[in-house]
N, C-alpha and C. Protein backbone atom coordinates (compact mmCIF):
# COMPACT_ATOMS: atom_id res chain seq x y z
N UNK A 1 -35.80 -57.14 66.94
CA UNK A 1 -36.03 -55.66 66.88
C UNK A 1 -36.76 -55.40 65.55
N UNK A 2 -37.70 -54.54 65.75
CA UNK A 2 -38.44 -54.09 64.44
C UNK A 2 -37.88 -52.76 63.96
N UNK A 3 -37.81 -52.66 62.67
CA UNK A 3 -37.32 -51.53 62.10
C UNK A 3 -38.52 -50.92 61.35
N UNK A 4 -38.51 -49.56 61.17
CA UNK A 4 -39.54 -48.87 60.41
C UNK A 4 -39.34 -49.05 58.99
N UNK A 5 -40.48 -49.35 58.24
CA UNK A 5 -40.44 -49.44 56.90
C UNK A 5 -41.54 -48.50 56.30
N UNK A 6 -41.19 -47.81 55.32
CA UNK A 6 -42.26 -46.96 54.62
C UNK A 6 -42.47 -47.60 53.21
N UNK A 7 -43.63 -47.89 52.89
CA UNK A 7 -43.84 -48.46 51.61
C UNK A 7 -43.90 -47.29 50.60
N UNK A 8 -43.24 -47.45 49.55
CA UNK A 8 -43.32 -46.52 48.41
C UNK A 8 -43.75 -47.21 47.21
N UNK A 9 -44.07 -46.51 46.18
CA UNK A 9 -44.52 -47.13 44.97
C UNK A 9 -43.44 -47.98 44.28
N UNK A 10 -43.67 -49.27 44.12
CA UNK A 10 -42.82 -50.04 43.38
C UNK A 10 -43.05 -49.87 41.94
N UNK A 11 -42.37 -50.51 41.04
CA UNK A 11 -42.64 -50.33 39.61
C UNK A 11 -44.03 -50.78 39.22
N UNK A 12 -44.58 -51.86 39.81
CA UNK A 12 -45.97 -52.21 39.59
C UNK A 12 -46.96 -51.14 40.11
N UNK A 13 -46.61 -50.81 41.36
CA UNK A 13 -47.56 -49.81 41.98
C UNK A 13 -47.53 -48.43 41.25
N UNK A 14 -46.20 -48.06 40.86
CA UNK A 14 -46.16 -46.92 40.03
C UNK A 14 -47.02 -46.87 38.86
N UNK A 15 -47.01 -48.07 38.10
CA UNK A 15 -47.92 -48.23 36.93
C UNK A 15 -49.38 -48.02 37.29
N UNK A 16 -49.75 -48.61 38.46
CA UNK A 16 -51.13 -48.44 38.82
C UNK A 16 -51.49 -47.01 39.22
N UNK A 17 -50.53 -46.38 39.91
CA UNK A 17 -50.78 -44.98 40.31
C UNK A 17 -50.78 -44.13 39.08
N UNK A 18 -49.94 -44.36 38.19
CA UNK A 18 -50.01 -43.63 36.89
C UNK A 18 -51.25 -43.76 36.20
N UNK A 19 -51.77 -45.02 36.14
CA UNK A 19 -53.04 -45.27 35.46
C UNK A 19 -54.18 -44.60 36.22
N UNK A 20 -54.22 -44.61 37.56
CA UNK A 20 -55.19 -43.84 38.23
C UNK A 20 -55.08 -42.34 38.06
N UNK A 21 -53.83 -41.89 37.94
CA UNK A 21 -53.66 -40.43 37.78
C UNK A 21 -54.23 -39.97 36.49
N UNK A 22 -54.16 -40.82 35.41
CA UNK A 22 -54.63 -40.42 34.16
C UNK A 22 -56.16 -40.25 34.18
N UNK A 23 -56.82 -40.90 35.09
CA UNK A 23 -58.35 -40.89 35.21
C UNK A 23 -58.70 -40.00 36.33
N UNK A 24 -57.88 -39.60 37.15
CA UNK A 24 -58.31 -38.74 38.42
C UNK A 24 -58.55 -37.34 38.03
N UNK A 25 -59.42 -36.65 38.67
CA UNK A 25 -59.75 -35.27 38.46
C UNK A 25 -58.62 -34.36 38.98
N UNK A 26 -57.97 -34.87 39.99
CA UNK A 26 -56.87 -34.04 40.64
C UNK A 26 -55.54 -34.50 40.10
N UNK A 27 -54.56 -33.64 40.04
CA UNK A 27 -53.18 -34.03 39.61
C UNK A 27 -52.43 -34.92 40.67
N UNK A 28 -52.97 -35.12 41.80
CA UNK A 28 -52.36 -35.89 42.80
C UNK A 28 -52.88 -37.25 42.97
N UNK A 29 -52.14 -38.36 42.64
CA UNK A 29 -52.68 -39.68 42.69
C UNK A 29 -53.19 -40.05 44.09
N UNK A 30 -52.47 -39.51 45.07
CA UNK A 30 -52.82 -39.79 46.53
C UNK A 30 -54.34 -39.35 46.77
N UNK A 31 -54.82 -38.53 46.11
CA UNK A 31 -56.22 -38.13 46.26
C UNK A 31 -57.20 -39.00 45.61
N UNK A 32 -56.78 -39.85 44.83
CA UNK A 32 -57.67 -40.78 44.10
C UNK A 32 -58.23 -41.76 45.14
N UNK A 33 -59.45 -42.11 45.07
CA UNK A 33 -60.00 -42.99 45.98
C UNK A 33 -61.08 -43.92 45.37
N UNK A 34 -61.32 -45.09 45.87
CA UNK A 34 -62.24 -46.00 45.32
C UNK A 34 -63.57 -45.76 46.15
N UNK A 35 -64.76 -46.07 45.57
CA UNK A 35 -66.02 -45.86 46.18
C UNK A 35 -66.08 -46.70 47.47
N UNK A 36 -66.68 -46.08 48.48
CA UNK A 36 -66.90 -46.82 49.66
C UNK A 36 -65.68 -46.73 50.70
N UNK A 37 -64.68 -45.85 50.33
CA UNK A 37 -63.54 -45.85 51.21
C UNK A 37 -63.54 -44.67 52.18
N UNK A 38 -64.67 -43.91 52.20
CA UNK A 38 -64.82 -42.79 53.08
C UNK A 38 -63.85 -41.67 52.72
N UNK A 39 -63.33 -41.57 51.54
CA UNK A 39 -62.44 -40.49 51.19
C UNK A 39 -60.99 -40.73 51.56
N UNK A 40 -60.67 -41.94 52.01
CA UNK A 40 -59.29 -42.22 52.37
C UNK A 40 -58.38 -42.23 51.12
N UNK A 41 -57.14 -41.83 51.33
CA UNK A 41 -56.20 -41.83 50.19
C UNK A 41 -55.80 -43.24 49.82
N UNK A 42 -55.20 -43.47 48.68
CA UNK A 42 -54.72 -44.76 48.31
C UNK A 42 -53.75 -45.29 49.34
N UNK A 43 -52.82 -44.43 49.83
CA UNK A 43 -51.88 -44.90 50.83
C UNK A 43 -52.60 -45.33 52.07
N UNK A 44 -53.62 -44.57 52.50
CA UNK A 44 -54.26 -44.93 53.75
C UNK A 44 -55.09 -46.15 53.58
N UNK A 45 -55.62 -46.42 52.40
CA UNK A 45 -56.33 -47.68 52.14
C UNK A 45 -55.44 -48.91 52.14
N UNK A 46 -54.26 -48.71 51.55
CA UNK A 46 -53.24 -49.82 51.59
C UNK A 46 -52.82 -49.99 53.01
N UNK A 47 -52.60 -49.05 53.75
CA UNK A 47 -52.18 -49.10 55.20
C UNK A 47 -53.24 -49.81 56.05
N UNK A 48 -54.51 -49.53 55.78
CA UNK A 48 -55.57 -50.30 56.40
C UNK A 48 -55.63 -51.79 56.06
N UNK A 49 -55.32 -52.10 54.84
CA UNK A 49 -55.28 -53.44 54.46
C UNK A 49 -54.13 -54.08 55.10
N UNK A 50 -53.00 -53.48 55.18
CA UNK A 50 -51.84 -54.11 55.85
C UNK A 50 -52.19 -54.28 57.33
N UNK A 51 -52.85 -53.32 57.91
CA UNK A 51 -53.23 -53.50 59.37
C UNK A 51 -54.13 -54.69 59.57
N UNK A 52 -55.01 -54.89 58.61
CA UNK A 52 -55.94 -56.03 58.64
C UNK A 52 -55.18 -57.40 58.60
N UNK A 53 -53.98 -57.31 57.86
CA UNK A 53 -53.10 -58.52 57.80
C UNK A 53 -52.19 -58.61 59.04
N UNK A 54 -52.31 -57.74 59.98
CA UNK A 54 -51.50 -57.82 61.19
C UNK A 54 -50.28 -56.97 61.27
N UNK A 55 -49.96 -56.15 60.28
CA UNK A 55 -48.77 -55.28 60.33
C UNK A 55 -49.06 -54.14 61.22
N UNK A 56 -48.06 -53.71 62.02
CA UNK A 56 -48.16 -52.58 62.92
C UNK A 56 -47.89 -51.35 62.09
N UNK A 57 -48.96 -50.56 61.89
CA UNK A 57 -48.88 -49.35 61.11
C UNK A 57 -48.60 -48.21 62.09
N UNK A 58 -47.50 -47.46 61.72
CA UNK A 58 -47.09 -46.34 62.55
C UNK A 58 -47.76 -45.10 62.00
N UNK A 59 -47.84 -44.91 60.70
CA UNK A 59 -48.43 -43.75 60.15
C UNK A 59 -49.13 -44.02 58.82
N UNK A 60 -50.43 -44.22 58.88
CA UNK A 60 -51.15 -44.72 57.75
C UNK A 60 -51.14 -43.67 56.57
N UNK A 61 -51.07 -42.45 56.86
CA UNK A 61 -51.10 -41.42 55.80
C UNK A 61 -49.98 -41.50 54.98
N UNK A 62 -48.78 -41.91 55.54
CA UNK A 62 -47.47 -41.91 54.88
C UNK A 62 -46.97 -43.36 54.61
N UNK A 63 -47.84 -44.34 54.88
CA UNK A 63 -47.45 -45.76 54.58
C UNK A 63 -46.33 -46.28 55.38
N UNK A 64 -46.24 -45.90 56.62
CA UNK A 64 -45.06 -46.31 57.45
C UNK A 64 -45.57 -47.44 58.47
N UNK A 65 -44.76 -48.51 58.52
CA UNK A 65 -45.10 -49.64 59.40
C UNK A 65 -43.83 -50.07 60.11
N UNK A 66 -43.98 -50.79 61.19
CA UNK A 66 -42.89 -51.40 61.84
C UNK A 66 -42.78 -52.85 61.30
N UNK A 67 -41.58 -53.17 60.78
CA UNK A 67 -41.48 -54.55 60.07
C UNK A 67 -40.13 -55.13 60.57
N UNK A 68 -40.25 -56.30 61.06
CA UNK A 68 -38.96 -56.97 61.46
C UNK A 68 -38.20 -57.27 60.15
N UNK A 69 -36.87 -57.08 60.29
CA UNK A 69 -36.03 -57.24 59.05
C UNK A 69 -36.27 -58.55 58.40
N UNK A 70 -36.44 -59.65 59.16
CA UNK A 70 -36.61 -60.91 58.58
C UNK A 70 -37.95 -61.13 57.92
N UNK A 71 -38.85 -60.15 58.08
CA UNK A 71 -40.22 -60.22 57.44
C UNK A 71 -40.27 -59.31 56.41
N UNK A 72 -39.27 -58.67 55.86
CA UNK A 72 -39.36 -57.61 54.82
C UNK A 72 -39.95 -58.17 53.46
N UNK A 73 -39.56 -59.39 53.15
CA UNK A 73 -40.11 -60.02 51.84
C UNK A 73 -41.57 -60.24 52.04
N UNK A 74 -42.00 -60.79 53.17
CA UNK A 74 -43.41 -61.01 53.38
C UNK A 74 -44.21 -59.70 53.29
N UNK A 75 -43.64 -58.64 54.06
CA UNK A 75 -44.26 -57.32 54.01
C UNK A 75 -44.35 -56.82 52.57
N UNK A 76 -43.33 -56.89 51.79
CA UNK A 76 -43.35 -56.40 50.47
C UNK A 76 -44.41 -57.13 49.70
N UNK A 77 -44.55 -58.39 49.84
CA UNK A 77 -45.65 -59.15 49.09
C UNK A 77 -46.98 -58.65 49.51
N UNK A 78 -47.24 -58.40 50.81
CA UNK A 78 -48.40 -57.96 51.31
C UNK A 78 -48.75 -56.54 50.79
N UNK A 79 -47.71 -55.66 50.67
CA UNK A 79 -47.93 -54.40 50.18
C UNK A 79 -48.44 -54.40 48.74
N UNK A 80 -47.81 -55.33 47.91
CA UNK A 80 -48.22 -55.53 46.58
C UNK A 80 -49.70 -56.06 46.49
N UNK A 81 -50.05 -57.07 47.33
CA UNK A 81 -51.40 -57.65 47.38
C UNK A 81 -52.41 -56.53 47.69
N UNK A 82 -52.10 -55.78 48.76
CA UNK A 82 -53.04 -54.73 49.29
C UNK A 82 -53.21 -53.65 48.18
N UNK A 83 -52.17 -53.27 47.60
CA UNK A 83 -52.23 -52.29 46.50
C UNK A 83 -53.17 -52.72 45.44
N UNK A 84 -53.00 -53.98 45.02
CA UNK A 84 -53.87 -54.60 43.98
C UNK A 84 -55.30 -54.58 44.38
N UNK A 85 -55.56 -54.95 45.65
CA UNK A 85 -56.88 -54.88 46.18
C UNK A 85 -57.52 -53.48 46.18
N UNK A 86 -56.72 -52.50 46.60
CA UNK A 86 -57.16 -51.15 46.70
C UNK A 86 -57.40 -50.52 45.32
N UNK A 87 -56.42 -50.74 44.38
CA UNK A 87 -56.57 -50.15 43.06
C UNK A 87 -57.47 -50.91 42.02
N UNK A 88 -57.66 -52.23 42.31
CA UNK A 88 -58.51 -52.97 41.48
C UNK A 88 -57.92 -53.16 40.10
N UNK A 89 -58.73 -53.27 39.13
CA UNK A 89 -58.31 -53.52 37.70
C UNK A 89 -57.70 -52.35 36.97
N UNK A 90 -56.48 -52.21 36.91
CA UNK A 90 -55.83 -51.12 36.26
C UNK A 90 -54.84 -51.64 35.28
N UNK A 91 -54.49 -50.89 34.32
CA UNK A 91 -53.49 -51.29 33.32
C UNK A 91 -52.16 -51.49 33.99
N UNK A 92 -51.73 -52.68 34.10
CA UNK A 92 -50.37 -52.97 34.70
C UNK A 92 -49.36 -53.25 33.69
N UNK A 93 -49.67 -52.94 32.50
CA UNK A 93 -48.64 -53.21 31.39
C UNK A 93 -47.47 -52.42 31.55
N UNK A 94 -46.29 -52.93 31.23
CA UNK A 94 -45.07 -52.11 31.41
C UNK A 94 -45.14 -50.88 30.61
N UNK A 95 -44.42 -49.83 31.18
CA UNK A 95 -44.30 -48.57 30.39
C UNK A 95 -43.37 -48.85 29.22
N UNK A 96 -43.66 -48.11 28.14
CA UNK A 96 -42.74 -48.24 26.93
C UNK A 96 -41.50 -47.42 27.25
N UNK A 97 -40.47 -47.55 26.35
CA UNK A 97 -39.30 -46.82 26.55
C UNK A 97 -39.57 -45.28 26.49
N UNK A 98 -40.43 -44.93 25.58
CA UNK A 98 -40.82 -43.57 25.42
C UNK A 98 -41.53 -42.97 26.73
N UNK A 99 -42.42 -43.83 27.26
CA UNK A 99 -43.06 -43.46 28.51
C UNK A 99 -42.06 -43.38 29.65
N UNK A 100 -41.10 -44.29 29.72
CA UNK A 100 -40.11 -44.27 30.78
C UNK A 100 -39.22 -43.08 30.55
N UNK A 101 -38.99 -42.58 29.33
CA UNK A 101 -38.15 -41.35 29.08
C UNK A 101 -38.96 -40.26 29.67
N UNK A 102 -40.23 -40.21 29.44
CA UNK A 102 -41.08 -39.06 29.98
C UNK A 102 -41.02 -39.13 31.56
N UNK A 103 -41.19 -40.35 32.08
CA UNK A 103 -41.11 -40.41 33.56
C UNK A 103 -39.81 -40.05 34.08
N UNK A 104 -38.70 -40.32 33.32
CA UNK A 104 -37.31 -39.90 33.75
C UNK A 104 -37.27 -38.44 33.87
N UNK A 105 -37.86 -37.68 32.91
CA UNK A 105 -37.80 -36.26 32.90
C UNK A 105 -38.52 -35.70 34.19
N UNK A 106 -39.64 -36.32 34.59
CA UNK A 106 -40.33 -35.98 35.83
C UNK A 106 -39.40 -36.35 37.04
N UNK A 107 -38.71 -37.43 37.01
CA UNK A 107 -37.78 -37.82 38.10
C UNK A 107 -36.71 -36.78 38.18
N UNK A 108 -36.21 -36.27 36.99
CA UNK A 108 -35.20 -35.25 37.16
C UNK A 108 -35.68 -33.93 37.74
N UNK A 109 -36.88 -33.59 37.48
CA UNK A 109 -37.54 -32.41 38.07
C UNK A 109 -37.65 -32.58 39.58
N UNK A 110 -38.08 -33.78 39.95
CA UNK A 110 -38.17 -34.11 41.47
C UNK A 110 -36.83 -34.10 42.12
N UNK A 111 -35.84 -34.67 41.47
CA UNK A 111 -34.44 -34.58 41.93
C UNK A 111 -33.92 -33.30 42.19
N UNK A 112 -34.16 -32.38 41.16
CA UNK A 112 -33.72 -31.01 41.24
C UNK A 112 -34.41 -30.25 42.37
N UNK A 113 -35.65 -30.57 42.64
CA UNK A 113 -36.35 -29.98 43.73
C UNK A 113 -35.78 -30.45 45.02
N UNK A 114 -35.59 -31.71 45.19
CA UNK A 114 -34.98 -32.28 46.38
C UNK A 114 -33.61 -31.81 46.70
N UNK A 115 -32.82 -31.63 45.60
CA UNK A 115 -31.46 -31.10 45.75
C UNK A 115 -31.54 -29.65 46.23
N UNK A 116 -32.62 -28.82 45.79
CA UNK A 116 -32.76 -27.48 46.19
C UNK A 116 -33.10 -27.45 47.73
N UNK A 117 -33.59 -28.55 48.24
CA UNK A 117 -33.82 -28.66 49.77
C UNK A 117 -32.63 -29.22 50.55
N UNK A 118 -31.56 -29.46 49.74
CA UNK A 118 -30.33 -29.91 50.40
C UNK A 118 -29.98 -31.37 50.36
N UNK A 119 -30.83 -32.12 49.69
CA UNK A 119 -30.60 -33.64 49.55
C UNK A 119 -29.67 -33.90 48.40
N UNK A 120 -28.87 -34.88 48.62
CA UNK A 120 -27.93 -35.35 47.49
C UNK A 120 -28.59 -36.55 46.78
N UNK A 121 -28.96 -36.32 45.52
CA UNK A 121 -29.68 -37.32 44.75
C UNK A 121 -28.74 -37.86 43.63
N UNK A 122 -28.38 -39.06 43.66
CA UNK A 122 -27.56 -39.77 42.62
C UNK A 122 -28.42 -40.23 41.46
N UNK A 123 -28.63 -39.30 40.50
CA UNK A 123 -29.50 -39.61 39.40
C UNK A 123 -28.79 -40.43 38.32
N UNK A 124 -29.45 -41.50 37.94
CA UNK A 124 -28.80 -42.45 36.97
C UNK A 124 -28.89 -41.83 35.55
N UNK A 125 -28.24 -42.39 34.62
CA UNK A 125 -28.49 -41.98 33.17
C UNK A 125 -29.87 -42.55 32.80
N UNK A 126 -30.36 -42.07 31.68
CA UNK A 126 -31.67 -42.57 31.22
C UNK A 126 -31.70 -44.06 31.02
N UNK A 127 -30.55 -44.61 30.39
CA UNK A 127 -30.60 -46.04 30.18
C UNK A 127 -30.59 -46.79 31.48
N UNK A 128 -29.77 -46.27 32.46
CA UNK A 128 -29.76 -46.99 33.79
C UNK A 128 -31.07 -46.91 34.48
N UNK A 129 -31.79 -45.73 34.26
CA UNK A 129 -33.14 -45.56 34.86
C UNK A 129 -34.05 -46.63 34.35
N UNK A 130 -34.05 -46.85 32.91
CA UNK A 130 -34.92 -47.75 32.25
C UNK A 130 -34.59 -49.20 32.67
N UNK A 131 -33.26 -49.39 32.84
CA UNK A 131 -32.84 -50.78 33.29
C UNK A 131 -33.32 -51.02 34.76
N UNK A 132 -33.25 -50.01 35.62
CA UNK A 132 -33.65 -50.23 36.96
C UNK A 132 -35.11 -50.41 37.13
N UNK A 133 -35.85 -49.79 36.21
CA UNK A 133 -37.30 -49.90 36.13
C UNK A 133 -37.71 -51.35 36.07
N UNK A 134 -36.96 -52.12 35.27
CA UNK A 134 -37.32 -53.54 34.99
C UNK A 134 -36.68 -54.43 36.02
N UNK A 135 -36.11 -53.90 37.15
CA UNK A 135 -35.43 -54.67 38.19
C UNK A 135 -36.26 -54.76 39.47
N UNK A 136 -35.74 -55.44 40.42
CA UNK A 136 -36.46 -55.45 41.79
C UNK A 136 -36.14 -54.21 42.57
N UNK A 137 -35.36 -53.39 42.08
CA UNK A 137 -35.04 -52.07 42.82
C UNK A 137 -35.06 -50.89 41.86
N UNK A 138 -36.23 -50.47 41.45
CA UNK A 138 -36.38 -49.33 40.48
C UNK A 138 -35.82 -48.09 41.17
N UNK A 139 -35.28 -47.14 40.36
CA UNK A 139 -34.71 -45.92 40.90
C UNK A 139 -35.83 -45.12 41.53
N UNK A 140 -35.48 -44.48 42.66
CA UNK A 140 -36.40 -43.57 43.35
C UNK A 140 -35.64 -42.41 43.78
N UNK A 141 -36.10 -41.16 43.41
CA UNK A 141 -35.47 -39.97 43.88
C UNK A 141 -35.60 -39.84 45.40
N UNK A 142 -36.62 -40.49 45.85
CA UNK A 142 -36.85 -40.35 47.37
C UNK A 142 -36.05 -41.40 48.20
N UNK A 143 -35.24 -42.17 47.60
CA UNK A 143 -34.28 -43.08 48.38
C UNK A 143 -33.48 -42.37 49.33
N UNK A 144 -33.14 -41.04 48.96
CA UNK A 144 -32.26 -40.30 49.82
C UNK A 144 -32.91 -39.90 51.08
N UNK A 145 -34.25 -40.00 51.24
CA UNK A 145 -34.99 -39.60 52.38
C UNK A 145 -35.47 -40.81 53.24
N UNK A 146 -35.18 -42.02 52.75
CA UNK A 146 -35.61 -43.27 53.56
C UNK A 146 -34.95 -43.19 54.87
N UNK A 147 -35.75 -43.40 55.88
CA UNK A 147 -35.21 -43.28 57.30
C UNK A 147 -35.27 -42.00 57.82
N UNK A 148 -35.72 -40.91 57.11
CA UNK A 148 -35.65 -39.57 57.67
C UNK A 148 -36.89 -39.47 58.61
N UNK A 149 -36.83 -38.50 59.56
CA UNK A 149 -37.92 -38.23 60.42
C UNK A 149 -39.25 -37.96 59.61
N UNK A 150 -40.42 -38.32 60.17
CA UNK A 150 -41.61 -38.21 59.56
C UNK A 150 -41.88 -36.82 59.12
N UNK A 151 -41.67 -35.81 59.94
CA UNK A 151 -41.98 -34.40 59.60
C UNK A 151 -41.09 -34.00 58.42
N UNK A 152 -39.85 -34.48 58.35
CA UNK A 152 -39.01 -34.10 57.23
C UNK A 152 -39.45 -34.79 55.93
N UNK A 153 -39.90 -36.03 56.03
CA UNK A 153 -40.47 -36.74 54.88
C UNK A 153 -41.72 -35.94 54.40
N UNK A 154 -42.61 -35.66 55.23
CA UNK A 154 -43.79 -35.00 54.90
C UNK A 154 -43.51 -33.62 54.26
N UNK A 155 -42.64 -32.95 54.79
CA UNK A 155 -42.24 -31.55 54.26
C UNK A 155 -41.63 -31.61 52.83
N UNK A 156 -40.75 -32.65 52.61
CA UNK A 156 -40.21 -32.88 51.30
C UNK A 156 -41.25 -33.32 50.31
N UNK A 157 -42.19 -34.16 50.76
CA UNK A 157 -43.29 -34.56 49.81
C UNK A 157 -44.15 -33.44 49.45
N UNK A 158 -44.43 -32.52 50.42
CA UNK A 158 -45.27 -31.42 50.12
C UNK A 158 -44.53 -30.46 49.19
N UNK A 159 -43.23 -30.20 49.37
CA UNK A 159 -42.54 -29.36 48.50
C UNK A 159 -42.18 -29.89 47.17
N UNK A 160 -41.91 -31.20 47.14
CA UNK A 160 -41.46 -31.90 45.94
C UNK A 160 -42.28 -33.15 45.73
N UNK A 161 -43.49 -33.09 45.21
CA UNK A 161 -44.26 -34.31 44.98
C UNK A 161 -43.49 -35.33 44.27
N UNK A 162 -43.68 -36.63 44.69
CA UNK A 162 -43.08 -37.78 44.02
C UNK A 162 -43.61 -37.94 42.57
N UNK A 163 -42.72 -38.52 41.75
CA UNK A 163 -43.10 -38.64 40.31
C UNK A 163 -44.45 -39.31 40.14
N UNK A 164 -44.75 -40.32 40.85
CA UNK A 164 -45.91 -41.01 40.73
C UNK A 164 -47.20 -40.14 40.90
N UNK A 165 -47.04 -39.05 41.71
CA UNK A 165 -48.10 -38.25 41.98
C UNK A 165 -48.38 -37.17 40.89
N UNK A 166 -47.38 -36.96 40.03
CA UNK A 166 -47.48 -35.98 38.96
C UNK A 166 -47.42 -36.49 37.55
N UNK A 167 -46.86 -37.68 37.36
CA UNK A 167 -46.73 -38.17 36.05
C UNK A 167 -48.04 -38.73 35.50
N UNK A 168 -48.45 -38.31 34.28
CA UNK A 168 -49.64 -38.83 33.66
C UNK A 168 -49.25 -39.76 32.42
N UNK A 169 -49.59 -40.91 32.45
CA UNK A 169 -49.33 -41.82 31.38
C UNK A 169 -49.98 -41.45 30.12
């Protein structure tokens, strides 16, 4: 049985998105695009790359694919590879503790926004946030929405943009 997986920005992808955001004319990272992409968003470009690798894309605009549970690690590696291909050479250096503290403040704002929509967000302490950033499972305010219906996910993203879309390094 295949389960739906929605790729979201991992710590490495978050760094790349933040680096893109610092150079983009728009405050939304998702609007950044590489030349020759026909205006596709970063998420759509990564989805296209994943489709080229054989993954069944359900919703390219939101990065949703059908992934067999036993293939999740292969899928994650492909997401990382495709993201690198789409974003090209960007500063992938780790964020400093001061930058992580700034990002944490943005995550708190996003969490407050999502809580206003009725979601329960378990926000870690600043130190736990920093520690999770350096792990395989960085904190995400959007974890509470994983598995939610597409329309609900889209509505929440519109109302409360994810930190990677608004944080400028």
